[in-house]
Amino acid sequence: MTRSVILHQDATFLAQATAARLLMRLHELAQTQNRVDIVLTGGTVGIATLAEMSSSPLRMGVDWTVVHVWWGDERFVASDSPDRNEGQATEALLSQLPIPPGNIHRMASAKGDTTAETGAVAYANELSQAVPGEVTPFFDVLLLGMGPDGHVASLFPEHPTALTSGVVVAVHDSPKPPPTRISLTFDTINRARQVWVVAAGEEKAPAVARALARVDPVATPASAVRGTEKTLWLVDASAAADIVVPPTGQLT
């Protein structure tokens, strides 16, 4: 597994470059696989990346019929709430793509007798059915945003669910509203072939530096995410401001 830090000049260029990178990766994968699984993220840069994908001519080269879309986490609110990552992703990109409806795997919303716990179990079951025989499903590319506190998905620093084992976890009392969420666990995230962490803005700089300096899943959850083949940190200049570069000049 390799880890690389790729620097972009600002948040706008970061979103554009990440969109192009993901579209090219999807195009390559769809040439050799009959199924491609990706995990999307919310957040400012995450949704901006999806919007850039929607306007890129590169999207025409992807065979979207083999692409399956998952989410790293979701806010447990009503299905029509503007807080839903899925709703934002649909508006920014998914509604414009010829993806079969069954290939879009949404996390549960708050309705009826559904709880965050039952929603987590349902998503874990759906994941297990996607790749029969696998204890934990894997993904081809898994996108993650990162908060200023170093959280990824809905795995927050010092939170009881940060080190929960299993596939999917219900999160209560999130320090960031809304308080109830559903999230993939570290066990599931780290089965992805490639994990891409996208971060922009000077407020993210301390957390980026901490995450790259040492692994501490409790204090800085972002430090503990790894792809089985590759981990990319895609950051803008402001978010990279506090990184201490080794004498070799390389970040590995």
C-alpha atoms as a PDB file:
ATOM      1  CA  MET A   1       0.000   0.000   0.000  1.00  0.00           C
ATOM      2  CA  THR A   2       1.334   3.434  -0.916  1.00  0.00           C
ATOM      3  CA  ARG A   3       0.301   6.798   0.476  1.00  0.00           C
ATOM      4  CA  SER A   4       0.753  10.013  -1.463  1.00  0.00           C
ATOM      5  CA  VAL A   5      -0.047  13.655  -0.846  1.00  0.00           C
ATOM      6  CA  ILE A   6      -1.082  15.598  -3.948  1.00  0.00           C
ATOM      7  CA  LEU A   7      -1.160  19.364  -3.627  1.00  0.00           C
ATOM      8  CA  HIS A   8      -3.483  21.683  -5.537  1.00  0.00           C
ATOM      9  CA  GLN A   9      -3.446  25.463  -5.558  1.00  0.00           C
ATOM     10  CA  ASP A  10      -6.914  26.104  -4.154  1.00  0.00           C
ATOM     11  CA  ALA A  11     -10.261  24.497  -3.359  1.00  0.00           C
ATOM     12  CA  THR A  12     -11.704  25.144  -6.823  1.00  0.00           C
ATOM     13  CA  PHE A  13      -8.819  23.512  -8.633  1.00  0.00           C
ATOM     14  CA  LEU A  14      -8.824  20.685  -6.090  1.00  0.00           C
ATOM     15  CA  ALA A  15     -12.447  19.876  -6.924  1.00  0.00           C
ATOM     16  CA  GLN A  16     -11.794  20.082 -10.667  1.00  0.00           C
ATOM     17  CA  ALA A  17      -8.695  17.892 -10.486  1.00  0.00           C
ATOM     18  CA  THR A  18     -10.336  15.322  -8.206  1.00  0.00           C
ATOM     19  CA  ALA A  19     -13.335  15.129 -10.545  1.00  0.00           C
ATOM     20  CA  ALA A  20     -11.083  14.466 -13.534  1.00  0.00           C
ATOM     21  CA  ARG A  21      -9.035  11.935 -11.574  1.00  0.00           C
ATOM     22  CA  LEU A  22     -12.135  10.023 -10.485  1.00  0.00           C
ATOM     23  CA  LEU A  23     -13.697  10.014 -13.943  1.00  0.00           C
ATOM     24  CA  MET A  24     -10.507   8.696 -15.484  1.00  0.00           C
ATOM     25  CA  ARG A  25     -10.240   6.019 -12.807  1.00  0.00           C
ATOM     26  CA  LEU A  26     -13.838   4.942 -13.366  1.00  0.00           C
ATOM     27  CA  HIS A  27     -13.244   4.800 -17.116  1.00  0.00           C
ATOM     28  CA  GLU A  28     -10.192   2.564 -16.624  1.00  0.00           C
ATOM     29  CA  LEU A  29     -11.935   0.251 -14.181  1.00  0.00           C
ATOM     30  CA  ALA A  30     -15.019  -0.132 -16.344  1.00  0.00           C
ATOM     31  CA  GLN A  31     -12.809  -1.367 -19.192  1.00  0.00           C
ATOM     32  CA  THR A  32     -11.628  -4.393 -17.222  1.00  0.00           C
ATOM     33  CA  GLN A  33     -14.359  -5.100 -14.640  1.00  0.00           C
ATOM     34  CA  ASN A  34     -18.029  -5.959 -14.966  1.00  0.00           C
ATOM     35  CA  ARG A  35     -18.722  -4.090 -11.732  1.00  0.00           C
ATOM     36  CA  VAL A  36     -17.171  -0.954 -10.216  1.00  0.00           C
ATOM     37  CA  ASP A  37     -17.965   0.122  -6.648  1.00  0.00           C
ATOM     38  CA  ILE A  38     -17.336   3.677  -5.461  1.00  0.00           C
ATOM     39  CA  VAL A  39     -18.114   5.438  -2.196  1.00  0.00           C
ATOM     40  CA  LEU A  40     -19.114   9.096  -2.246  1.00  0.00           C
ATOM     41  CA  THR A  41     -18.712  11.712   0.452  1.00  0.00           C
ATOM     42  CA  GLY A  42     -20.579  14.890   1.321  1.00  0.00           C
ATOM     43  CA  GLY A  43     -19.101  18.157   2.490  1.00  0.00           C
ATOM     44  CA  THR A  44     -18.204  21.294   0.583  1.00  0.00           C
ATOM     45  CA  VAL A  45     -15.350  19.878  -1.478  1.00  0.00           C
ATOM     46  CA  GLY A  46     -17.000  16.492  -1.893  1.00  0.00           C
ATOM     47  CA  ILE A  47     -20.160  17.934  -3.436  1.00  0.00           C
ATOM     48  CA  ALA A  48     -18.129  20.469  -5.442  1.00  0.00           C
ATOM     49  CA  THR A  49     -16.198  17.529  -6.903  1.00  0.00           C
ATOM     50  CA  LEU A  50     -19.442  15.844  -7.969  1.00  0.00           C
ATOM     51  CA  ALA A  51     -20.650  19.083  -9.570  1.00  0.00           C
ATOM     52  CA  GLU A  52     -17.390  19.297 -11.522  1.00  0.00           C
ATOM     53  CA  MET A  53     -17.896  15.715 -12.688  1.00  0.00           C
ATOM     54  CA  SER A  54     -21.337  16.579 -14.001  1.00  0.00           C
ATOM     55  CA  SER A  55     -19.954  19.320 -16.255  1.00  0.00           C
ATOM     56  CA  SER A  56     -16.881  17.424 -17.424  1.00  0.00           C
ATOM     57  CA  PRO A  57     -16.880  15.867 -20.902  1.00  0.00           C
ATOM     58  CA  LEU A  58     -14.882  12.995 -19.391  1.00  0.00           C
ATOM     59  CA  ARG A  59     -18.077  11.632 -17.858  1.00  0.00           C
ATOM     60  CA  MET A  60     -19.237  10.605 -21.324  1.00  0.00           C
ATOM     61  CA  GLY A  61     -16.421   8.047 -21.485  1.00  0.00           C
ATOM     62  CA  VAL A  62     -17.561   6.099 -18.412  1.00  0.00           C
ATOM     63  CA  ASP A  63     -19.809   3.044 -18.706  1.00  0.00           C
ATOM     64  CA  TRP A  64     -22.119   4.055 -15.878  1.00  0.00           C
ATOM     65  CA  THR A  65     -24.204   0.887 -16.176  1.00  0.00           C
ATOM     66  CA  VAL A  66     -21.520  -1.077 -14.300  1.00  0.00           C
ATOM     67  CA  VAL A  67     -20.927   1.562 -11.610  1.00  0.00           C
ATOM     68  CA  HIS A  68     -22.393   1.039  -8.128  1.00  0.00           C
ATOM     69  CA  VAL A  69     -22.598   4.037  -5.798  1.00  0.00           C
ATOM     70  CA  TRP A  70     -22.390   3.838  -2.003  1.00  0.00           C
ATOM     71  CA  TRP A  71     -21.997   6.381   0.803  1.00  0.00           C
ATOM     72  CA  GLY A  72     -19.424   6.578   3.567  1.00  0.00           C
ATOM     73  CA  ASP A  73     -21.955   8.102   5.937  1.00  0.00           C
ATOM     74  CA  GLU A  74     -25.351   9.714   6.009  1.00  0.00           C
ATOM     75  CA  ARG A  75     -27.295  12.080   8.238  1.00  0.00           C
ATOM     76  CA  PHE A  76     -30.238  10.199   9.767  1.00  0.00           C
ATOM     77  CA  VAL A  77     -32.924  12.680   8.852  1.00  0.00           C
ATOM     78  CA  ALA A  78     -35.978  12.697   6.593  1.00  0.00           C
ATOM     79  CA  SER A  79     -35.341  11.568   3.025  1.00  0.00           C
ATOM     80  CA  ASP A  80     -36.164  15.020   1.652  1.00  0.00           C
ATOM     81  CA  SER A  81     -33.970  16.911   4.125  1.00  0.00           C
ATOM     82  CA  PRO A  82     -31.351  19.195   2.527  1.00  0.00           C
ATOM     83  CA  ASP A  83     -28.875  17.744   5.054  1.00  0.00           C
ATOM     84  CA  ARG A  84     -28.839  14.381   3.290  1.00  0.00           C
ATOM     85  CA  ASN A  85     -25.564  13.614   1.505  1.00  0.00           C
ATOM     86  CA  GLU A  86     -27.513  11.476  -0.923  1.00  0.00           C
ATOM     87  CA  GLY A  87     -29.829  14.325  -1.881  1.00  0.00           C
ATOM     88  CA  GLN A  88     -26.953  16.711  -2.462  1.00  0.00           C
ATOM     89  CA  ALA A  89     -25.114  14.112  -4.558  1.00  0.00           C
ATOM     90  CA  THR A  90     -28.232  13.418  -6.612  1.00  0.00           C
ATOM     91  CA  GLU A  91     -28.695  17.090  -7.389  1.00  0.00           C
ATOM     92  CA  ALA A  92     -25.022  17.679  -8.165  1.00  0.00           C
ATOM     93  CA  LEU A  93     -24.396  14.601 -10.309  1.00  0.00           C
ATOM     94  CA  LEU A  94     -26.350  11.361 -10.015  1.00  0.00           C
ATOM     95  CA  SER A  95     -29.612  12.635 -11.545  1.00  0.00           C
ATOM     96  CA  GLN A  96     -27.678  13.427 -14.721  1.00  0.00           C
ATOM     97  CA  LEU A  97     -26.091  10.003 -15.188  1.00  0.00           C
ATOM     98  CA  PRO A  98     -27.444   6.829 -16.824  1.00  0.00           C
ATOM     99  CA  ILE A  99     -26.857   4.750 -13.690  1.00  0.00           C
ATOM    100  CA  PRO A 100     -29.432   1.986 -13.199  1.00  0.00           C
ATOM    101  CA  PRO A 101     -31.575   2.854 -10.142  1.00  0.00           C
ATOM    102  CA  GLY A 102     -30.612  -0.419  -8.470  1.00  0.00           C
ATOM    103  CA  ASN A 103     -26.945   0.567  -8.608  1.00  0.00           C
ATOM    104  CA  ILE A 104     -27.447   3.508  -6.236  1.00  0.00           C
ATOM    105  CA  HIS A 105     -27.275   2.228  -2.673  1.00  0.00           C
ATOM    106  CA  ARG A 106     -28.761   4.773  -0.273  1.00  0.00           C
ATOM    107  CA  MET A 107     -28.506   4.648   3.505  1.00  0.00           C
ATOM    108  CA  ALA A 108     -31.751   4.669   5.489  1.00  0.00           C
ATOM    109  CA  SER A 109     -33.618   7.866   6.264  1.00  0.00           C
ATOM    110  CA  ALA A 110     -35.625   8.686   9.381  1.00  0.00           C
ATOM    111  CA  LYS A 111     -39.155   7.451   8.832  1.00  0.00           C
ATOM    112  CA  GLY A 112     -41.670   5.219  10.574  1.00  0.00           C
ATOM    113  CA  ASP A 113     -40.137   2.654  12.904  1.00  0.00           C
ATOM    114  CA  THR A 114     -36.709   2.875  11.276  1.00  0.00           C
ATOM    115  CA  THR A 115     -33.902   3.699  13.686  1.00  0.00           C
ATOM    116  CA  ALA A 116     -30.267   4.466  13.025  1.00  0.00           C
ATOM    117  CA  GLU A 117     -29.467   0.984  14.343  1.00  0.00           C
ATOM    118  CA  THR A 118     -31.855  -0.814  12.014  1.00  0.00           C
ATOM    119  CA  GLY A 119     -30.644   1.392   9.165  1.00  0.00           C
ATOM    120  CA  ALA A 120     -27.026   0.424   9.901  1.00  0.00           C
ATOM    121  CA  VAL A 121     -27.914  -3.270   9.925  1.00  0.00           C
ATOM    122  CA  ALA A 122     -29.826  -2.931   6.652  1.00  0.00           C
ATOM    123  CA  TYR A 123     -26.886  -1.210   4.950  1.00  0.00           C
ATOM    124  CA  ALA A 124     -24.460  -3.819   6.268  1.00  0.00           C
ATOM    125  CA  ASN A 125     -26.707  -6.530   4.839  1.00  0.00           C
ATOM    126  CA  GLU A 126     -26.887  -4.758   1.491  1.00  0.00           C
ATOM    127  CA  LEU A 127     -23.106  -4.490   1.422  1.00  0.00           C
ATOM    128  CA  SER A 128     -22.669  -8.167   2.264  1.00  0.00           C
ATOM    129  CA  GLN A 129     -24.940  -9.141  -0.614  1.00  0.00           C
ATOM    130  CA  ALA A 130     -22.955  -6.993  -3.046  1.00  0.00           C
ATOM    131  CA  VAL A 131     -19.869  -9.201  -2.864  1.00  0.00           C
ATOM    132  CA  PRO A 132     -20.963 -12.709  -1.849  1.00  0.00           C
ATOM    133  CA  GLY A 133     -18.420 -14.634   0.175  1.00  0.00           C
ATOM    134  CA  GLU A 134     -16.643 -11.560   1.504  1.00  0.00           C
ATOM    135  CA  VAL A 135     -16.639 -11.023   5.268  1.00  0.00           C
ATOM    136  CA  THR A 136     -16.449  -7.287   4.664  1.00  0.00           C
ATOM    137  CA  PRO A 137     -17.173  -5.765   1.240  1.00  0.00           C
ATOM    138  CA  PHE A 138     -14.509  -3.887  -0.641  1.00  0.00           C
ATOM    139  CA  PHE A 139     -14.689  -0.841  -2.878  1.00  0.00           C
ATOM    140  CA  ASP A 140     -12.642   0.278  -5.859  1.00  0.00           C
ATOM    141  CA  VAL A 141     -12.464   3.949  -4.825  1.00  0.00           C
ATOM    142  CA  LEU A 142     -13.657   5.417  -1.532  1.00  0.00           C
ATOM    143  CA  LEU A 143     -13.857   9.198  -1.204  1.00  0.00           C
ATOM    144  CA  LEU A 144     -13.659  10.867   2.192  1.00  0.00           C
ATOM    145  CA  GLY A 145     -13.876  14.464   3.261  1.00  0.00           C
ATOM    146  CA  MET A 146     -12.234  15.520   6.521  1.00  0.00           C
ATOM    147  CA  GLY A 147     -13.456  17.977   9.127  1.00  0.00           C
ATOM    148  CA  PRO A 148     -11.279  20.515  10.949  1.00  0.00           C
ATOM    149  CA  ASP A 149     -11.357  18.165  13.949  1.00  0.00           C
ATOM    150  CA  GLY A 150      -9.926  15.319  11.866  1.00  0.00           C
ATOM    151  CA  HIS A 151     -13.140  13.310  11.525  1.00  0.00           C
ATOM    152  CA  VAL A 152     -13.938  11.251   8.436  1.00  0.00           C
ATOM    153  CA  ALA A 153     -17.330   9.829   7.468  1.00  0.00           C
ATOM    154  CA  SER A 154     -19.134  10.129  10.828  1.00  0.00           C
ATOM    155  CA  LEU A 155     -16.232   8.804  12.891  1.00  0.00           C
ATOM    156  CA  PHE A 156     -15.484  11.667  15.282  1.00  0.00           C
ATOM    157  CA  PRO A 157     -12.527  12.244  17.623  1.00  0.00           C
ATOM    158  CA  GLU A 158     -12.966  10.844  21.139  1.00  0.00           C
ATOM    159  CA  HIS A 159     -16.445   9.582  20.215  1.00  0.00           C
ATOM    160  CA  PRO A 160     -17.555   6.157  21.522  1.00  0.00           C
ATOM    161  CA  THR A 161     -18.254   4.870  17.995  1.00  0.00           C
ATOM    162  CA  ALA A 162     -14.833   5.821  16.584  1.00  0.00           C
ATOM    163  CA  LEU A 163     -13.367   2.351  17.144  1.00  0.00           C
ATOM    164  CA  THR A 164     -16.550   0.310  16.720  1.00  0.00           C
ATOM    165  CA  SER A 165     -15.926  -2.927  14.857  1.00  0.00           C
ATOM    166  CA  GLY A 166     -18.240  -4.390  12.260  1.00  0.00           C
ATOM    167  CA  VAL A 167     -19.379  -3.034   8.905  1.00  0.00           C
ATOM    168  CA  VAL A 168     -21.742  -0.103   9.555  1.00  0.00           C
ATOM    169  CA  VAL A 169     -22.442   1.765  12.797  1.00  0.00           C
ATOM    170  CA  ALA A 170     -25.204   4.003  14.137  1.00  0.00           C
ATOM    171  CA  VAL A 171     -23.828   7.259  15.526  1.00  0.00           C
ATOM    172  CA  HIS A 172     -25.599   9.219  18.252  1.00  0.00           C
ATOM    173  CA  ASP A 173     -24.700  12.540  19.868  1.00  0.00           C
ATOM    174  CA  SER A 174     -22.536  13.616  16.959  1.00  0.00           C
ATOM    175  CA  PRO A 175     -20.587  16.772  17.856  1.00  0.00           C
ATOM    176  CA  LYS A 176     -21.579  18.102  14.448  1.00  0.00           C
ATOM    177  CA  PRO A 177     -25.303  18.441  13.665  1.00  0.00           C
ATOM    178  CA  PRO A 178     -27.452  16.626  12.898  1.00  0.00           C
ATOM    179  CA  PRO A 179     -26.735  14.442  15.952  1.00  0.00           C
ATOM    180  CA  THR A 180     -27.822  11.060  14.596  1.00  0.00           C
ATOM    181  CA  ARG A 181     -26.021   9.440  11.676  1.00  0.00           C
ATOM    182  CA  ILE A 182     -25.055   6.176  10.021  1.00  0.00           C
ATOM    183  CA  SER A 183     -21.430   5.527   9.072  1.00  0.00           C
ATOM    184  CA  LEU A 184     -19.105   2.946   7.637  1.00  0.00           C
ATOM    185  CA  THR A 185     -16.561   1.746  10.193  1.00  0.00           C
ATOM    186  CA  PHE A 186     -12.781   1.725   9.904  1.00  0.00           C
ATOM    187  CA  ASP A 187     -13.009  -2.015   9.188  1.00  0.00           C
ATOM    188  CA  THR A 188     -15.079  -1.308   6.086  1.00  0.00           C
ATOM    189  CA  ILE A 189     -13.316   1.855   4.937  1.00  0.00           C
ATOM    190  CA  ASN A 190      -9.931   0.165   5.060  1.00  0.00           C
ATOM    191  CA  ARG A 191     -11.034  -2.649   2.792  1.00  0.00           C
ATOM    192  CA  ALA A 192     -11.237  -0.214  -0.126  1.00  0.00           C
ATOM    193  CA  ARG A 193      -8.593  -0.655  -2.790  1.00  0.00           C
ATOM    194  CA  GLN A 194      -8.049   3.082  -2.971  1.00  0.00           C
ATOM    195  CA  VAL A 195      -8.976   5.635  -0.312  1.00  0.00           C
ATOM    196  CA  TRP A 196      -8.918   9.314  -1.295  1.00  0.00           C
ATOM    197  CA  VAL A 197      -9.074  11.941   1.448  1.00  0.00           C
ATOM    198  CA  VAL A 198     -10.014  15.371   0.116  1.00  0.00           C
ATOM    199  CA  ALA A 199      -9.416  18.483   2.240  1.00  0.00           C
ATOM    200  CA  ALA A 200      -9.320  22.224   1.575  1.00  0.00           C
ATOM    201  CA  GLY A 201      -9.006  25.377   3.653  1.00  0.00           C
ATOM    202  CA  GLU A 202      -6.658  26.687   6.310  1.00  0.00           C
ATOM    203  CA  GLU A 203      -8.963  25.503   9.091  1.00  0.00           C
ATOM    204  CA  LYS A 204      -8.115  21.917   8.037  1.00  0.00           C
ATOM    205  CA  ALA A 205      -4.328  22.432   8.124  1.00  0.00           C
ATOM    206  CA  PRO A 206      -3.658  21.328  11.741  1.00  0.00           C
ATOM    207  CA  ALA A 207      -5.722  18.147  11.306  1.00  0.00           C
ATOM    208  CA  VAL A 208      -4.071  17.305   7.977  1.00  0.00           C
ATOM    209  CA  ALA A 209      -0.642  17.662   9.578  1.00  0.00           C
ATOM    210  CA  ARG A 210      -1.633  15.498  12.553  1.00  0.00           C
ATOM    211  CA  ALA A 211      -3.158  12.821  10.347  1.00  0.00           C
ATOM    212  CA  LEU A 212      -0.018  12.546   8.222  1.00  0.00           C
ATOM    213  CA  ALA A 213       2.365  12.632  11.187  1.00  0.00           C
ATOM    214  CA  ARG A 214       1.083   9.711  13.255  1.00  0.00           C
ATOM    215  CA  VAL A 215      -1.758   7.199  13.382  1.00  0.00           C
ATOM    216  CA  ASP A 216      -4.198   7.987  16.191  1.00  0.00           C
ATOM    217  CA  PRO A 217      -7.733   6.837  15.318  1.00  0.00           C
ATOM    218  CA  VAL A 218      -9.210   8.228  18.532  1.00  0.00           C
ATOM    219  CA  ALA A 219      -7.746  11.750  18.459  1.00  0.00           C
ATOM    220  CA  THR A 220      -7.530  12.077  14.660  1.00  0.00           C
ATOM    221  CA  PRO A 221      -9.710   9.478  12.890  1.00  0.00           C
ATOM    222  CA  ALA A 222      -8.477  10.567   9.450  1.00  0.00           C
ATOM    223  CA  SER A 223      -5.019   9.283  10.346  1.00  0.00           C
ATOM    224  CA  ALA A 224      -6.270   5.697  10.441  1.00  0.00           C
ATOM    225  CA  VAL A 225      -7.801   5.362   6.971  1.00  0.00           C
ATOM    226  CA  ARG A 226      -5.861   3.344   4.435  1.00  0.00           C
ATOM    227  CA  GLY A 227      -6.525   1.802   1.036  1.00  0.00           C
ATOM    228  CA  THR A 228      -5.323  -1.748   0.492  1.00  0.00           C
ATOM    229  CA  GLU A 229      -3.519  -0.615  -2.671  1.00  0.00           C
ATOM    230  CA  LYS A 230      -3.276   3.166  -2.461  1.00  0.00           C
ATOM    231  CA  THR A 231      -4.118   6.091  -0.202  1.00  0.00           C
ATOM    232  CA  LEU A 232      -4.287   9.582  -1.689  1.00  0.00           C
ATOM    233  CA  TRP A 233      -4.442  12.799   0.276  1.00  0.00           C
ATOM    234  CA  LEU A 234      -5.771  15.407  -2.148  1.00  0.00           C
ATOM    235  CA  VAL A 235      -5.360  18.820  -0.518  1.00  0.00           C
ATOM    236  CA  ASP A 236      -5.156  22.472  -1.424  1.00  0.00           C
ATOM    237  CA  ALA A 237      -2.288  24.749  -0.450  1.00  0.00           C
ATOM    238  CA  SER A 238      -4.093  26.141   2.582  1.00  0.00           C
ATOM    239  CA  ALA A 239      -4.876  22.702   4.018  1.00  0.00           C
ATOM    240  CA  ALA A 240      -1.268  21.614   3.455  1.00  0.00           C
ATOM    241  CA  ALA A 241       0.253  24.630   5.226  1.00  0.00           C
ATOM    242  CA  ASP A 242       1.233  22.780   8.417  1.00  0.00           C
ATOM    243  CA  ILE A 243       2.617  19.601   6.846  1.00  0.00           C
ATOM    244  CA  VAL A 244       6.188  18.907   7.876  1.00  0.00           C
ATOM    245  CA  VAL A 245       8.024  17.534   4.840  1.00  0.00           C
ATOM    246  CA  PRO A 246      10.713  14.900   5.556  1.00  0.00           C
ATOM    247  CA  PRO A 247      14.317  15.669   4.437  1.00  0.00           C
ATOM    248  CA  THR A 248      13.799  13.646   1.244  1.00  0.00           C
ATOM    249  CA  GLY A 249      11.083  16.071   0.199  1.00  0.00           C
ATOM    250  CA  GLN A 250       8.606  13.242  -0.190  1.00  0.00           C
ATOM    251  CA  LEU A 251       5.551  12.362   1.836  1.00  0.00           C
ATOM    252  CA  THR A 252       5.050   8.607   2.009  1.00  0.00           C
END
